[in-house]
Amino acid sequence: MWVVYSLLALLGLILLLLLVPVYGRVSYNGEELRVRIRVLGIPVTLLPAPAEDAPQKPPKERKKKKPGSADKPSKLQEFKELLRQDDLAATLGFLKELAVLAGKTAAKALKAVTVDRLTLQLLLATGDPAETATLYGKVCGVLYPTLAVVEQTVRVRRRYLRVEPNFLLEKSAVRFDLRLHVSVLKLLGAGLYLLVKFLALKEENTDRAYKEDI
């Protein structure tokens, strides 16, 4: 009976780990880009990368190929071989369906991301008032529509935007701070959706090709 209890405890622990979100923060203070994540309360710094004190290993010498030895086929060669063996229209149709599947999976994966706070400060300056005004108009014309599209895809709880032109300075300044969390369970669900749909799509195309050969 203790085996059943142990398995139930293990499954409960795995479910608990899947329910715990992964937090991330990307910030730029005008000089340095920082990328940090926090998993189960443990902070991990991805950028800037920690300095490595260990001596670097010398690069390994490449072994010379023996004459007559054949190279393994690359992915490009495999794709070309697929085009030779199968009908071109069927292959293109499969790639089209695969692209649609990838788009749906990406949409499901983005639903697992929640932006807790987005802070963006832009101080635009070029040294020339006319060029600065032109730059300000271009940036606003791109930035706000882009953010509108992002907010339709990803949930954004709070955002703080500040875009200002400066006609006295000669150089622009940027400050950026993004704080988000990712639902591991939803992300895993998107991965399983991709796997199941891809296997079904592959089997469907295999059966179609087999019937055409008959």
N, C-alpha and C. Protein backbone atom coordinates (compact mmCIF):
# COMPACT_ATOMS: atom_id res chain seq x y z
N MET A 1 0.82 -1.22 0.00
CA MET A 1 0.00 0.00 0.00
C MET A 1 0.85 1.26 0.00
N TRP A 2 2.04 1.13 0.62
CA TRP A 2 2.91 2.31 0.68
C TRP A 2 3.40 2.71 -0.70
N VAL A 3 3.43 1.74 -1.65
CA VAL A 3 3.84 2.06 -3.02
C VAL A 3 2.81 3.00 -3.66
N VAL A 4 1.53 2.72 -3.41
CA VAL A 4 0.47 3.56 -3.97
C VAL A 4 0.55 4.96 -3.38
N TYR A 5 0.77 5.04 -2.08
CA TYR A 5 0.90 6.34 -1.43
C TYR A 5 2.10 7.12 -1.96
N SER A 6 3.18 6.39 -2.20
CA SER A 6 4.38 7.04 -2.73
C SER A 6 4.15 7.59 -4.13
N LEU A 7 3.44 6.81 -4.96
CA LEU A 7 3.14 7.27 -6.31
C LEU A 7 2.20 8.47 -6.29
N LEU A 8 1.20 8.43 -5.41
CA LEU A 8 0.28 9.56 -5.30
C LEU A 8 1.01 10.81 -4.81
N ALA A 9 1.94 10.63 -3.86
CA ALA A 9 2.71 11.77 -3.37
C ALA A 9 3.60 12.33 -4.47
N LEU A 10 4.19 11.44 -5.30
CA LEU A 10 5.03 11.89 -6.40
C LEU A 10 4.22 12.64 -7.44
N LEU A 11 3.04 12.11 -7.78
CA LEU A 11 2.18 12.80 -8.75
C LEU A 11 1.72 14.15 -8.21
N GLY A 12 1.42 14.19 -6.91
CA GLY A 12 1.03 15.47 -6.32
C GLY A 12 2.16 16.48 -6.35
N LEU A 13 3.38 16.01 -6.12
CA LEU A 13 4.53 16.91 -6.17
C LEU A 13 4.77 17.43 -7.58
N ILE A 14 4.63 16.55 -8.58
CA ILE A 14 4.80 16.97 -9.97
C ILE A 14 3.74 17.99 -10.36
N LEU A 15 2.49 17.73 -9.95
CA LEU A 15 1.41 18.68 -10.25
C LEU A 15 1.65 20.01 -9.57
N LEU A 16 2.16 19.97 -8.35
CA LEU A 16 2.46 21.21 -7.63
C LEU A 16 3.55 22.00 -8.33
N LEU A 17 4.57 21.30 -8.83
CA LEU A 17 5.64 21.98 -9.55
C LEU A 17 5.13 22.60 -10.85
N LEU A 18 4.18 21.92 -11.51
CA LEU A 18 3.62 22.45 -12.74
C LEU A 18 2.75 23.67 -12.49
N LEU A 19 2.15 23.74 -11.30
CA LEU A 19 1.28 24.87 -10.99
C LEU A 19 2.07 26.09 -10.55
N VAL A 20 3.31 25.91 -10.14
CA VAL A 20 4.13 27.05 -9.70
C VAL A 20 4.65 27.78 -10.93
N PRO A 21 4.34 29.06 -11.10
CA PRO A 21 4.81 29.79 -12.28
C PRO A 21 6.30 30.11 -12.20
N VAL A 22 6.86 30.35 -13.36
CA VAL A 22 8.26 30.78 -13.48
C VAL A 22 8.26 32.28 -13.75
N TYR A 23 8.95 33.02 -12.91
CA TYR A 23 8.99 34.47 -13.04
C TYR A 23 10.25 34.90 -13.79
N GLY A 24 10.11 35.95 -14.56
CA GLY A 24 11.24 36.46 -15.32
C GLY A 24 11.27 37.98 -15.32
N ARG A 25 12.44 38.52 -15.50
CA ARG A 25 12.60 39.98 -15.56
C ARG A 25 13.69 40.32 -16.56
N VAL A 26 13.36 41.22 -17.48
CA VAL A 26 14.32 41.72 -18.47
C VAL A 26 14.38 43.24 -18.30
N SER A 27 15.57 43.75 -18.04
CA SER A 27 15.71 45.19 -17.80
C SER A 27 16.95 45.72 -18.51
N TYR A 28 16.84 46.99 -18.90
CA TYR A 28 17.95 47.68 -19.56
C TYR A 28 17.97 49.11 -19.02
N ASN A 29 19.08 49.48 -18.41
CA ASN A 29 19.18 50.80 -17.78
C ASN A 29 19.94 51.81 -18.62
N GLY A 30 20.13 51.51 -19.89
CA GLY A 30 20.87 52.41 -20.76
C GLY A 30 22.30 52.00 -20.97
N GLU A 31 22.79 51.08 -20.14
CA GLU A 31 24.18 50.63 -20.24
C GLU A 31 24.30 49.11 -20.29
N GLU A 32 23.44 48.43 -19.55
CA GLU A 32 23.61 46.98 -19.41
C GLU A 32 22.26 46.30 -19.47
N LEU A 33 22.22 45.16 -20.18
CA LEU A 33 21.02 44.35 -20.29
C LEU A 33 21.08 43.24 -19.24
N ARG A 34 20.01 43.11 -18.47
CA ARG A 34 19.93 42.08 -17.45
C ARG A 34 18.72 41.18 -17.71
N VAL A 35 18.94 39.88 -17.62
CA VAL A 35 17.87 38.88 -17.79
C VAL A 35 17.95 37.93 -16.60
N ARG A 36 16.87 37.88 -15.84
CA ARG A 36 16.83 37.03 -14.65
C ARG A 36 15.52 36.25 -14.60
N ILE A 37 15.59 35.04 -14.06
CA ILE A 37 14.41 34.24 -13.84
C ILE A 37 14.40 33.75 -12.39
N ARG A 38 13.22 33.38 -11.92
CA ARG A 38 13.09 32.86 -10.56
C ARG A 38 12.19 31.62 -10.61
N VAL A 39 12.78 30.49 -10.23
CA VAL A 39 12.08 29.22 -10.26
C VAL A 39 12.02 28.68 -8.84
N LEU A 40 10.80 28.47 -8.33
CA LEU A 40 10.59 27.99 -6.96
C LEU A 40 11.30 28.88 -5.94
N GLY A 41 11.30 30.18 -6.22
CA GLY A 41 11.93 31.12 -5.31
C GLY A 41 13.43 31.23 -5.45
N ILE A 42 14.01 30.48 -6.37
CA ILE A 42 15.47 30.49 -6.56
C ILE A 42 15.80 31.41 -7.74
N PRO A 43 16.50 32.53 -7.49
CA PRO A 43 16.84 33.45 -8.59
C PRO A 43 18.02 32.92 -9.41
N VAL A 44 17.91 33.09 -10.71
CA VAL A 44 18.97 32.68 -11.64
C VAL A 44 19.22 33.84 -12.59
N THR A 45 20.47 34.29 -12.70
CA THR A 45 20.83 35.38 -13.60
C THR A 45 21.36 34.79 -14.91
N LEU A 46 20.69 35.12 -16.02
CA LEU A 46 21.12 34.65 -17.33
C LEU A 46 22.04 35.65 -18.01
N LEU A 47 21.75 36.92 -17.87
CA LEU A 47 22.57 38.00 -18.41
C LEU A 47 22.68 39.10 -17.36
N PRO A 48 23.85 39.67 -17.17
CA PRO A 48 25.13 39.28 -17.79
C PRO A 48 25.60 37.94 -17.28
N ALA A 49 26.23 37.18 -18.15
CA ALA A 49 26.69 35.85 -17.79
C ALA A 49 27.80 35.94 -16.75
N PRO A 50 27.79 35.03 -15.76
CA PRO A 50 28.86 35.06 -14.75
C PRO A 50 30.21 34.76 -15.37
N ALA A 51 31.24 35.43 -14.84
CA ALA A 51 32.59 35.23 -15.37
C ALA A 51 33.10 33.85 -15.02
N GLU A 52 33.73 33.23 -15.95
CA GLU A 52 34.28 31.89 -15.75
C GLU A 52 35.77 32.01 -15.45
N ASP A 53 36.12 31.51 -14.26
CA ASP A 53 37.52 31.56 -13.85
C ASP A 53 38.30 30.34 -14.31
N ALA A 54 37.57 29.29 -14.68
CA ALA A 54 38.27 28.06 -15.07
C ALA A 54 38.98 28.25 -16.39
N PRO A 55 40.17 27.66 -16.53
CA PRO A 55 40.89 27.81 -17.80
C PRO A 55 40.16 27.13 -18.93
N GLN A 56 40.20 27.77 -20.07
CA GLN A 56 39.51 27.22 -21.22
C GLN A 56 40.28 26.04 -21.80
N LYS A 57 39.52 25.05 -22.19
CA LYS A 57 40.15 23.87 -22.77
C LYS A 57 40.57 24.16 -24.21
N PRO A 58 41.71 23.64 -24.60
CA PRO A 58 42.14 23.86 -25.99
C PRO A 58 41.18 23.19 -26.94
N PRO A 59 40.92 23.81 -28.08
CA PRO A 59 39.98 23.22 -29.05
C PRO A 59 40.47 21.88 -29.55
N LYS A 60 39.52 20.97 -29.68
CA LYS A 60 39.87 19.64 -30.14
C LYS A 60 40.18 19.66 -31.63
N GLU A 61 41.18 18.89 -31.99
CA GLU A 61 41.54 18.81 -33.40
C GLU A 61 40.53 17.95 -34.13
N ARG A 62 40.13 18.43 -35.29
CA ARG A 62 39.19 17.67 -36.09
C ARG A 62 39.88 16.48 -36.73
N LYS A 63 39.19 15.37 -36.64
CA LYS A 63 39.74 14.17 -37.26
C LYS A 63 39.60 14.26 -38.77
N LYS A 64 40.67 13.89 -39.44
CA LYS A 64 40.63 13.90 -40.89
C LYS A 64 39.75 12.78 -41.41
N LYS A 65 38.97 13.12 -42.40
CA LYS A 65 38.07 12.13 -42.98
C LYS A 65 38.85 11.13 -43.82
N LYS A 66 38.49 9.90 -43.66
CA LYS A 66 39.14 8.87 -44.46
C LYS A 66 38.64 8.95 -45.89
N PRO A 67 39.52 8.70 -46.81
CA PRO A 67 39.07 8.76 -48.21
C PRO A 67 38.01 7.71 -48.48
N GLY A 68 36.96 8.17 -49.15
CA GLY A 68 35.89 7.25 -49.50
C GLY A 68 34.77 7.18 -48.49
N SER A 69 34.99 7.83 -47.32
CA SER A 69 33.93 7.81 -46.31
C SER A 69 32.84 8.79 -46.68
N ALA A 70 31.60 8.37 -46.56
CA ALA A 70 30.47 9.21 -46.96
C ALA A 70 29.98 10.01 -45.77
N ASP A 71 29.61 11.26 -46.00
CA ASP A 71 29.05 12.10 -44.94
C ASP A 71 27.60 11.74 -44.71
N LYS A 72 27.15 12.01 -43.48
CA LYS A 72 25.75 11.80 -43.17
C LYS A 72 24.90 12.84 -43.88
N PRO A 73 23.73 12.49 -44.37
CA PRO A 73 22.90 13.46 -45.10
C PRO A 73 22.43 14.57 -44.17
N SER A 74 22.54 15.79 -44.63
CA SER A 74 22.09 16.94 -43.85
C SER A 74 20.58 17.06 -43.94
N LYS A 75 20.02 17.99 -43.13
CA LYS A 75 18.58 18.21 -43.16
C LYS A 75 18.13 18.73 -44.52
N LEU A 76 18.96 19.57 -45.14
CA LEU A 76 18.61 20.08 -46.46
C LEU A 76 18.58 18.96 -47.49
N GLN A 77 19.53 18.04 -47.41
CA GLN A 77 19.54 16.92 -48.33
C GLN A 77 18.34 16.01 -48.11
N GLU A 78 17.96 15.82 -46.84
CA GLU A 78 16.79 15.01 -46.56
C GLU A 78 15.53 15.65 -47.12
N PHE A 79 15.45 16.99 -47.02
CA PHE A 79 14.28 17.70 -47.55
C PHE A 79 14.23 17.58 -49.08
N LYS A 80 15.39 17.71 -49.73
CA LYS A 80 15.44 17.56 -51.19
C LYS A 80 15.03 16.14 -51.60
N GLU A 81 15.47 15.16 -50.80
CA GLU A 81 15.11 13.78 -51.11
C GLU A 81 13.61 13.58 -50.95
N LEU A 82 13.02 14.25 -49.97
CA LEU A 82 11.57 14.17 -49.78
C LEU A 82 10.83 14.73 -50.98
N LEU A 83 11.34 15.82 -51.53
CA LEU A 83 10.70 16.41 -52.70
C LEU A 83 10.82 15.50 -53.92
N ARG A 84 11.92 14.74 -53.98
CA ARG A 84 12.09 13.84 -55.12
C ARG A 84 11.14 12.65 -55.01
N GLN A 85 10.98 12.13 -53.78
CA GLN A 85 10.20 10.92 -53.62
C GLN A 85 8.70 11.20 -53.66
N ASP A 86 8.27 12.26 -52.99
CA ASP A 86 6.84 12.55 -52.90
C ASP A 86 6.44 13.57 -53.95
N ASP A 87 5.13 13.67 -54.12
CA ASP A 87 4.61 14.66 -55.03
C ASP A 87 4.83 16.05 -54.46
N LEU A 88 5.23 16.99 -55.29
CA LEU A 88 5.55 18.34 -54.82
C LEU A 88 4.33 19.01 -54.20
N ALA A 89 3.17 18.86 -54.80
CA ALA A 89 1.96 19.50 -54.29
C ALA A 89 1.61 18.95 -52.91
N ALA A 90 1.76 17.63 -52.74
CA ALA A 90 1.45 17.02 -51.44
C ALA A 90 2.42 17.52 -50.37
N THR A 91 3.68 17.65 -50.74
CA THR A 91 4.69 18.13 -49.79
C THR A 91 4.41 19.57 -49.38
N LEU A 92 4.09 20.41 -50.35
CA LEU A 92 3.78 21.81 -50.04
C LEU A 92 2.52 21.91 -49.20
N GLY A 93 1.54 21.04 -49.48
CA GLY A 93 0.33 21.04 -48.66
C GLY A 93 0.61 20.64 -47.22
N PHE A 94 1.51 19.68 -47.05
CA PHE A 94 1.90 19.26 -45.69
C PHE A 94 2.61 20.40 -44.96
N LEU A 95 3.50 21.10 -45.66
CA LEU A 95 4.21 22.22 -45.05
C LEU A 95 3.25 23.35 -44.68
N LYS A 96 2.23 23.56 -45.52
CA LYS A 96 1.24 24.59 -45.21
C LYS A 96 0.46 24.25 -43.96
N GLU A 97 0.03 22.99 -43.86
CA GLU A 97 -0.70 22.56 -42.67
C GLU A 97 0.18 22.62 -41.43
N LEU A 98 1.47 22.33 -41.61
CA LEU A 98 2.41 22.40 -40.49
C LEU A 98 2.60 23.84 -40.02
N ALA A 99 2.61 24.77 -40.96
CA ALA A 99 2.74 26.18 -40.60
C ALA A 99 1.52 26.67 -39.83
N VAL A 100 0.33 26.23 -40.25
CA VAL A 100 -0.89 26.60 -39.52
C VAL A 100 -0.87 26.02 -38.11
N LEU A 101 -0.40 24.78 -37.98
CA LEU A 101 -0.30 24.15 -36.68
C LEU A 101 0.69 24.89 -35.79
N ALA A 102 1.81 25.32 -36.36
CA ALA A 102 2.80 26.07 -35.58
C ALA A 102 2.23 27.40 -35.10
N GLY A 103 1.43 28.05 -35.95
CA GLY A 103 0.81 29.31 -35.55
C GLY A 103 -0.17 29.12 -34.40
N LYS A 104 -0.99 28.06 -34.46
CA LYS A 104 -1.94 27.80 -33.39
C LYS A 104 -1.22 27.45 -32.09
N THR A 105 -0.12 26.69 -32.20
CA THR A 105 0.64 26.33 -31.01
C THR A 105 1.29 27.55 -30.38
N ALA A 106 1.80 28.44 -31.23
CA ALA A 106 2.42 29.66 -30.70
C ALA A 106 1.38 30.52 -29.97
N ALA A 107 0.16 30.58 -30.51
CA ALA A 107 -0.89 31.34 -29.84
C ALA A 107 -1.23 30.74 -28.48
N LYS A 108 -1.27 29.40 -28.39
CA LYS A 108 -1.54 28.75 -27.12
C LYS A 108 -0.38 28.96 -26.14
N ALA A 109 0.86 28.95 -26.65
CA ALA A 109 2.02 29.15 -25.78
C ALA A 109 2.06 30.57 -25.24
N LEU A 110 1.66 31.54 -26.05
CA LEU A 110 1.67 32.93 -25.59
C LEU A 110 0.61 33.18 -24.52
N LYS A 111 -0.45 32.36 -24.51
CA LYS A 111 -1.46 32.50 -23.47
C LYS A 111 -0.92 32.09 -22.10
N ALA A 112 0.19 31.36 -22.10
CA ALA A 112 0.81 30.97 -20.84
C ALA A 112 1.65 32.09 -20.23
N VAL A 113 1.85 33.16 -20.99
CA VAL A 113 2.69 34.28 -20.54
C VAL A 113 1.80 35.42 -20.07
N THR A 114 2.11 35.96 -18.91
CA THR A 114 1.43 37.13 -18.37
C THR A 114 2.46 38.20 -18.02
N VAL A 115 2.31 39.37 -18.60
CA VAL A 115 3.20 40.48 -18.30
C VAL A 115 2.65 41.20 -17.08
N ASP A 116 3.40 41.14 -15.99
CA ASP A 116 2.96 41.79 -14.76
C ASP A 116 3.18 43.30 -14.80
N ARG A 117 4.29 43.72 -15.38
CA ARG A 117 4.54 45.15 -15.49
C ARG A 117 5.49 45.42 -16.65
N LEU A 118 5.13 46.38 -17.46
CA LEU A 118 5.95 46.79 -18.60
C LEU A 118 6.25 48.28 -18.45
N THR A 119 7.53 48.59 -18.35
CA THR A 119 7.97 49.98 -18.22
C THR A 119 8.91 50.30 -19.36
N LEU A 120 8.59 51.34 -20.11
CA LEU A 120 9.42 51.75 -21.25
C LEU A 120 9.53 53.26 -21.25
N GLN A 121 10.75 53.77 -21.19
CA GLN A 121 11.02 55.19 -21.21
C GLN A 121 11.97 55.50 -22.38
N LEU A 122 11.51 56.34 -23.27
CA LEU A 122 12.30 56.73 -24.44
C LEU A 122 12.49 58.24 -24.43
N LEU A 123 13.73 58.65 -24.46
CA LEU A 123 14.06 60.06 -24.59
C LEU A 123 14.74 60.22 -25.94
N LEU A 124 14.04 60.82 -26.89
CA LEU A 124 14.50 60.89 -28.27
C LEU A 124 15.23 62.20 -28.52
N ALA A 125 16.41 62.09 -29.07
CA ALA A 125 17.23 63.28 -29.37
C ALA A 125 18.20 62.93 -30.47
N THR A 126 18.41 63.88 -31.38
CA THR A 126 19.36 63.71 -32.47
C THR A 126 20.33 64.88 -32.59
N GLY A 127 20.09 65.95 -31.85
CA GLY A 127 20.92 67.15 -31.98
C GLY A 127 20.36 68.17 -32.94
N ASP A 128 19.39 67.73 -33.78
CA ASP A 128 18.73 68.62 -34.72
C ASP A 128 17.24 68.62 -34.41
N PRO A 129 16.62 69.78 -34.15
CA PRO A 129 15.20 69.81 -33.77
C PRO A 129 14.28 69.19 -34.81
N ALA A 130 14.53 69.45 -36.09
CA ALA A 130 13.66 68.90 -37.14
C ALA A 130 13.77 67.38 -37.19
N GLU A 131 14.98 66.86 -37.13
CA GLU A 131 15.17 65.42 -37.16
C GLU A 131 14.60 64.76 -35.91
N THR A 132 14.72 65.44 -34.77
CA THR A 132 14.16 64.89 -33.53
C THR A 132 12.64 64.79 -33.61
N ALA A 133 12.00 65.84 -34.15
CA ALA A 133 10.54 65.81 -34.31
C ALA A 133 10.11 64.71 -35.26
N THR A 134 10.87 64.52 -36.34
CA THR A 134 10.55 63.45 -37.30
C THR A 134 10.72 62.08 -36.66
N LEU A 135 11.80 61.92 -35.89
CA LEU A 135 12.04 60.65 -35.21
C LEU A 135 10.94 60.36 -34.19
N TYR A 136 10.50 61.37 -33.49
CA TYR A 136 9.44 61.20 -32.50
C TYR A 136 8.14 60.71 -33.16
N GLY A 137 7.81 61.29 -34.31
CA GLY A 137 6.60 60.86 -35.02
C GLY A 137 6.71 59.43 -35.51
N LYS A 138 7.88 59.04 -36.02
CA LYS A 138 8.07 57.68 -36.52
C LYS A 138 7.99 56.66 -35.38
N VAL A 139 8.63 56.98 -34.25
CA VAL A 139 8.63 56.05 -33.12
C VAL A 139 7.22 55.86 -32.58
N CYS A 140 6.48 56.95 -32.42
CA CYS A 140 5.10 56.84 -31.93
C CYS A 140 4.22 56.08 -32.91
N GLY A 141 4.47 56.26 -34.21
CA GLY A 141 3.67 55.59 -35.23
C GLY A 141 3.90 54.10 -35.27
N VAL A 142 5.06 53.64 -34.76
CA VAL A 142 5.36 52.21 -34.74
C VAL A 142 5.11 51.61 -33.37
N LEU A 143 5.47 52.33 -32.32
CA LEU A 143 5.43 51.79 -30.97
C LEU A 143 4.01 51.47 -30.50
N TYR A 144 3.11 52.42 -30.59
CA TYR A 144 1.77 52.22 -30.03
C TYR A 144 0.95 51.17 -30.79
N PRO A 145 0.97 51.13 -32.13
CA PRO A 145 0.28 50.02 -32.81
C PRO A 145 0.88 48.65 -32.47
N THR A 146 2.21 48.60 -32.32
CA THR A 146 2.85 47.33 -31.96
C THR A 146 2.41 46.86 -30.58
N LEU A 147 2.37 47.78 -29.63
CA LEU A 147 1.92 47.42 -28.29
C LEU A 147 0.46 46.98 -28.28
N ALA A 148 -0.35 47.59 -29.13
CA ALA A 148 -1.75 47.19 -29.22
C ALA A 148 -1.87 45.75 -29.71
N VAL A 149 -1.05 45.38 -30.68
CA VAL A 149 -1.06 43.99 -31.18
C VAL A 149 -0.57 43.04 -30.11
N VAL A 150 0.48 43.43 -29.39
CA VAL A 150 1.01 42.57 -28.32
C VAL A 150 -0.03 42.34 -27.23
N GLU A 151 -0.74 43.38 -26.86
CA GLU A 151 -1.74 43.26 -25.79
C GLU A 151 -2.94 42.43 -26.22
N GLN A 152 -3.16 42.26 -27.52
CA GLN A 152 -4.21 41.38 -28.00
C GLN A 152 -3.80 39.91 -27.91
N THR A 153 -2.49 39.67 -27.83
CA THR A 153 -1.97 38.31 -27.79
C THR A 153 -1.55 37.89 -26.39
N VAL A 154 -0.89 38.78 -25.68
CA VAL A 154 -0.37 38.50 -24.35
C VAL A 154 -1.08 39.39 -23.34
N ARG A 155 -1.40 38.82 -22.21
CA ARG A 155 -2.07 39.60 -21.16
C ARG A 155 -1.05 40.53 -20.49
N VAL A 156 -1.36 41.81 -20.48
CA VAL A 156 -0.51 42.82 -19.86
C VAL A 156 -1.31 43.47 -18.73
N ARG A 157 -0.84 43.28 -17.51
CA ARG A 157 -1.56 43.82 -16.35
C ARG A 157 -1.33 45.32 -16.18
N ARG A 158 -0.08 45.71 -16.19
CA ARG A 158 0.24 47.13 -16.00
C ARG A 158 1.33 47.53 -16.98
N ARG A 159 1.21 48.74 -17.49
CA ARG A 159 2.25 49.25 -18.38
C ARG A 159 2.44 50.74 -18.13
N TYR A 160 3.67 51.15 -18.29
CA TYR A 160 4.02 52.56 -18.11
C TYR A 160 4.91 52.96 -19.28
N LEU A 161 4.40 53.84 -20.12
CA LEU A 161 5.13 54.28 -21.30
C LEU A 161 5.39 55.78 -21.20
N ARG A 162 6.58 56.14 -21.58
CA ARG A 162 6.93 57.56 -21.59
C ARG A 162 7.86 57.81 -22.77
N VAL A 163 7.34 58.48 -23.77
CA VAL A 163 8.11 58.81 -24.98
C VAL A 163 8.14 60.33 -25.10
N GLU A 164 9.33 60.89 -25.03
CA GLU A 164 9.46 62.36 -25.06
C GLU A 164 10.58 62.76 -26.02
N PRO A 165 10.38 63.82 -26.79
CA PRO A 165 11.48 64.36 -27.59
C PRO A 165 12.27 65.38 -26.77
N ASN A 166 13.55 65.43 -27.01
CA ASN A 166 14.41 66.42 -26.35
C ASN A 166 15.20 67.14 -27.44
N PHE A 167 15.01 68.44 -27.54
CA PHE A 167 15.62 69.20 -28.62
C PHE A 167 16.96 69.81 -28.23
N LEU A 168 17.44 69.48 -27.02
CA LEU A 168 18.73 70.01 -26.57
C LEU A 168 19.83 68.96 -26.58
N LEU A 169 19.45 67.73 -26.28
CA LEU A 169 20.46 66.67 -26.25
C LEU A 169 20.79 66.20 -27.67
N GLU A 170 21.89 65.46 -27.78
CA GLU A 170 22.33 64.95 -29.07
C GLU A 170 22.21 63.44 -29.19
N LYS A 171 21.84 62.78 -28.11
CA LYS A 171 21.78 61.33 -28.13
C LYS A 171 20.54 60.86 -27.39
N SER A 172 19.88 59.85 -27.95
CA SER A 172 18.68 59.30 -27.33
C SER A 172 19.04 58.39 -26.14
N ALA A 173 18.08 58.19 -25.27
CA ALA A 173 18.27 57.32 -24.11
C ALA A 173 17.07 56.40 -23.98
N VAL A 174 17.35 55.15 -23.56
CA VAL A 174 16.30 54.13 -23.45
C VAL A 174 16.43 53.45 -22.09
N ARG A 175 15.28 53.28 -21.44
CA ARG A 175 15.21 52.49 -20.22
C ARG A 175 14.02 51.54 -20.36
N PHE A 176 14.27 50.28 -19.99
CA PHE A 176 13.27 49.24 -20.23
C PHE A 176 13.26 48.29 -19.05
N ASP A 177 12.05 47.91 -18.63
CA ASP A 177 11.90 46.95 -17.53
C ASP A 177 10.65 46.12 -17.77
N LEU A 178 10.84 44.83 -17.94
CA LEU A 178 9.74 43.91 -18.22
C LEU A 178 9.72 42.83 -17.16
N ARG A 179 8.59 42.69 -16.48
CA ARG A 179 8.41 41.66 -15.48
C ARG A 179 7.23 40.78 -15.88
N LEU A 180 7.44 39.47 -15.91
CA LEU A 180 6.41 38.55 -16.37
C LEU A 180 6.49 37.24 -15.62
N HIS A 181 5.48 36.42 -15.80
CA HIS A 181 5.52 35.06 -15.28
C HIS A 181 4.89 34.13 -16.31
N VAL A 182 5.34 32.89 -16.29
CA VAL A 182 4.92 31.89 -17.28
C VAL A 182 4.29 30.72 -16.54
N SER A 183 3.11 30.31 -17.00
CA SER A 183 2.45 29.13 -16.46
C SER A 183 3.04 27.88 -17.12
N VAL A 184 3.73 27.10 -16.33
CA VAL A 184 4.37 25.88 -16.86
C VAL A 184 3.33 24.90 -17.34
N LEU A 185 2.20 24.82 -16.63
CA LEU A 185 1.15 23.87 -17.01
C LEU A 185 0.56 24.21 -18.38
N LYS A 186 0.28 25.50 -18.61
CA LYS A 186 -0.25 25.91 -19.91
C LYS A 186 0.78 25.71 -21.02
N LEU A 187 2.04 25.97 -20.70
CA LEU A 187 3.10 25.78 -21.69
C LEU A 187 3.25 24.31 -22.05
N LEU A 188 3.15 23.45 -21.05
CA LEU A 188 3.20 22.01 -21.31
C LEU A 188 2.00 21.57 -22.14
N GLY A 189 0.84 22.17 -21.86
CA GLY A 189 -0.35 21.85 -22.65
C GLY A 189 -0.18 22.23 -24.11
N ALA A 190 0.46 23.37 -24.37
CA ALA A 190 0.72 23.77 -25.75
C ALA A 190 1.68 22.81 -26.44
N GLY A 191 2.67 22.33 -25.68
CA GLY A 191 3.60 21.36 -26.26
C GLY A 191 2.92 20.04 -26.58
N LEU A 192 2.05 19.56 -25.69
CA LEU A 192 1.33 18.32 -25.94
C LEU A 192 0.36 18.48 -27.12
N TYR A 193 -0.25 19.67 -27.23
CA TYR A 193 -1.14 19.94 -28.37
C TYR A 193 -0.36 19.84 -29.68
N LEU A 194 0.84 20.43 -29.70
CA LEU A 194 1.67 20.37 -30.91
C LEU A 194 2.05 18.93 -31.23
N LEU A 195 2.43 18.15 -30.23
CA LEU A 195 2.86 16.77 -30.46
C LEU A 195 1.72 15.92 -31.01
N VAL A 196 0.53 16.01 -30.38
CA VAL A 196 -0.61 15.20 -30.81
C VAL A 196 -1.06 15.58 -32.22
N LYS A 197 -1.18 16.88 -32.48
CA LYS A 197 -1.61 17.33 -33.80
C LYS A 197 -0.59 16.99 -34.88
N PHE A 198 0.70 17.09 -34.54
CA PHE A 198 1.73 16.77 -35.53
C PHE A 198 1.70 15.28 -35.88
N LEU A 199 1.56 14.42 -34.87
CA LEU A 199 1.51 12.98 -35.15
C LEU A 199 0.27 12.63 -35.97
N ALA A 200 -0.86 13.27 -35.66
CA ALA A 200 -2.08 13.02 -36.43
C ALA A 200 -1.93 13.51 -37.87
N LEU A 201 -1.30 14.67 -38.03
CA LEU A 201 -1.09 15.22 -39.37
C LEU A 201 -0.14 14.34 -40.18
N LYS A 202 0.90 13.85 -39.53
CA LYS A 202 1.85 12.99 -40.23
C LYS A 202 1.22 11.67 -40.64
N GLU A 203 0.41 11.09 -39.75
CA GLU A 203 -0.26 9.84 -40.07
C GLU A 203 -1.27 10.03 -41.20
N GLU A 204 -1.97 11.16 -41.18
CA GLU A 204 -2.94 11.44 -42.24
C GLU A 204 -2.26 11.56 -43.59
N ASN A 205 -1.13 12.24 -43.65
CA ASN A 205 -0.42 12.37 -44.92
C ASN A 205 0.20 11.07 -45.36
N THR A 206 0.62 10.23 -44.41
CA THR A 206 1.17 8.92 -44.76
C THR A 206 0.09 8.03 -45.36
N ASP A 207 -1.10 8.03 -44.74
CA ASP A 207 -2.21 7.23 -45.27
C ASP A 207 -2.64 7.73 -46.65
N ARG A 208 -2.62 9.05 -46.85
CA ARG A 208 -3.00 9.61 -48.14
C ARG A 208 -2.03 9.19 -49.23
N ALA A 209 -0.73 9.23 -48.89
CA ALA A 209 0.28 8.83 -49.87
C ALA A 209 0.18 7.34 -50.18
N TYR A 210 -0.15 6.53 -49.17
CA TYR A 210 -0.27 5.08 -49.37
C TYR A 210 -1.45 4.76 -50.29
N LYS A 211 -2.58 5.45 -50.11
CA LYS A 211 -3.76 5.22 -50.96
C LYS A 211 -3.49 5.65 -52.40
N GLU A 212 -2.71 6.74 -52.57
CA GLU A 212 -2.40 7.18 -53.93
C GLU A 212 -1.47 6.19 -54.63
N ASP A 213 -0.59 5.55 -53.87
CA ASP A 213 0.31 4.55 -54.49
C ASP A 213 -0.45 3.32 -54.92
N ILE A 214 -1.52 2.99 -54.15
CA ILE A 214 -2.32 1.81 -54.53
C ILE A 214 -3.14 2.09 -55.78
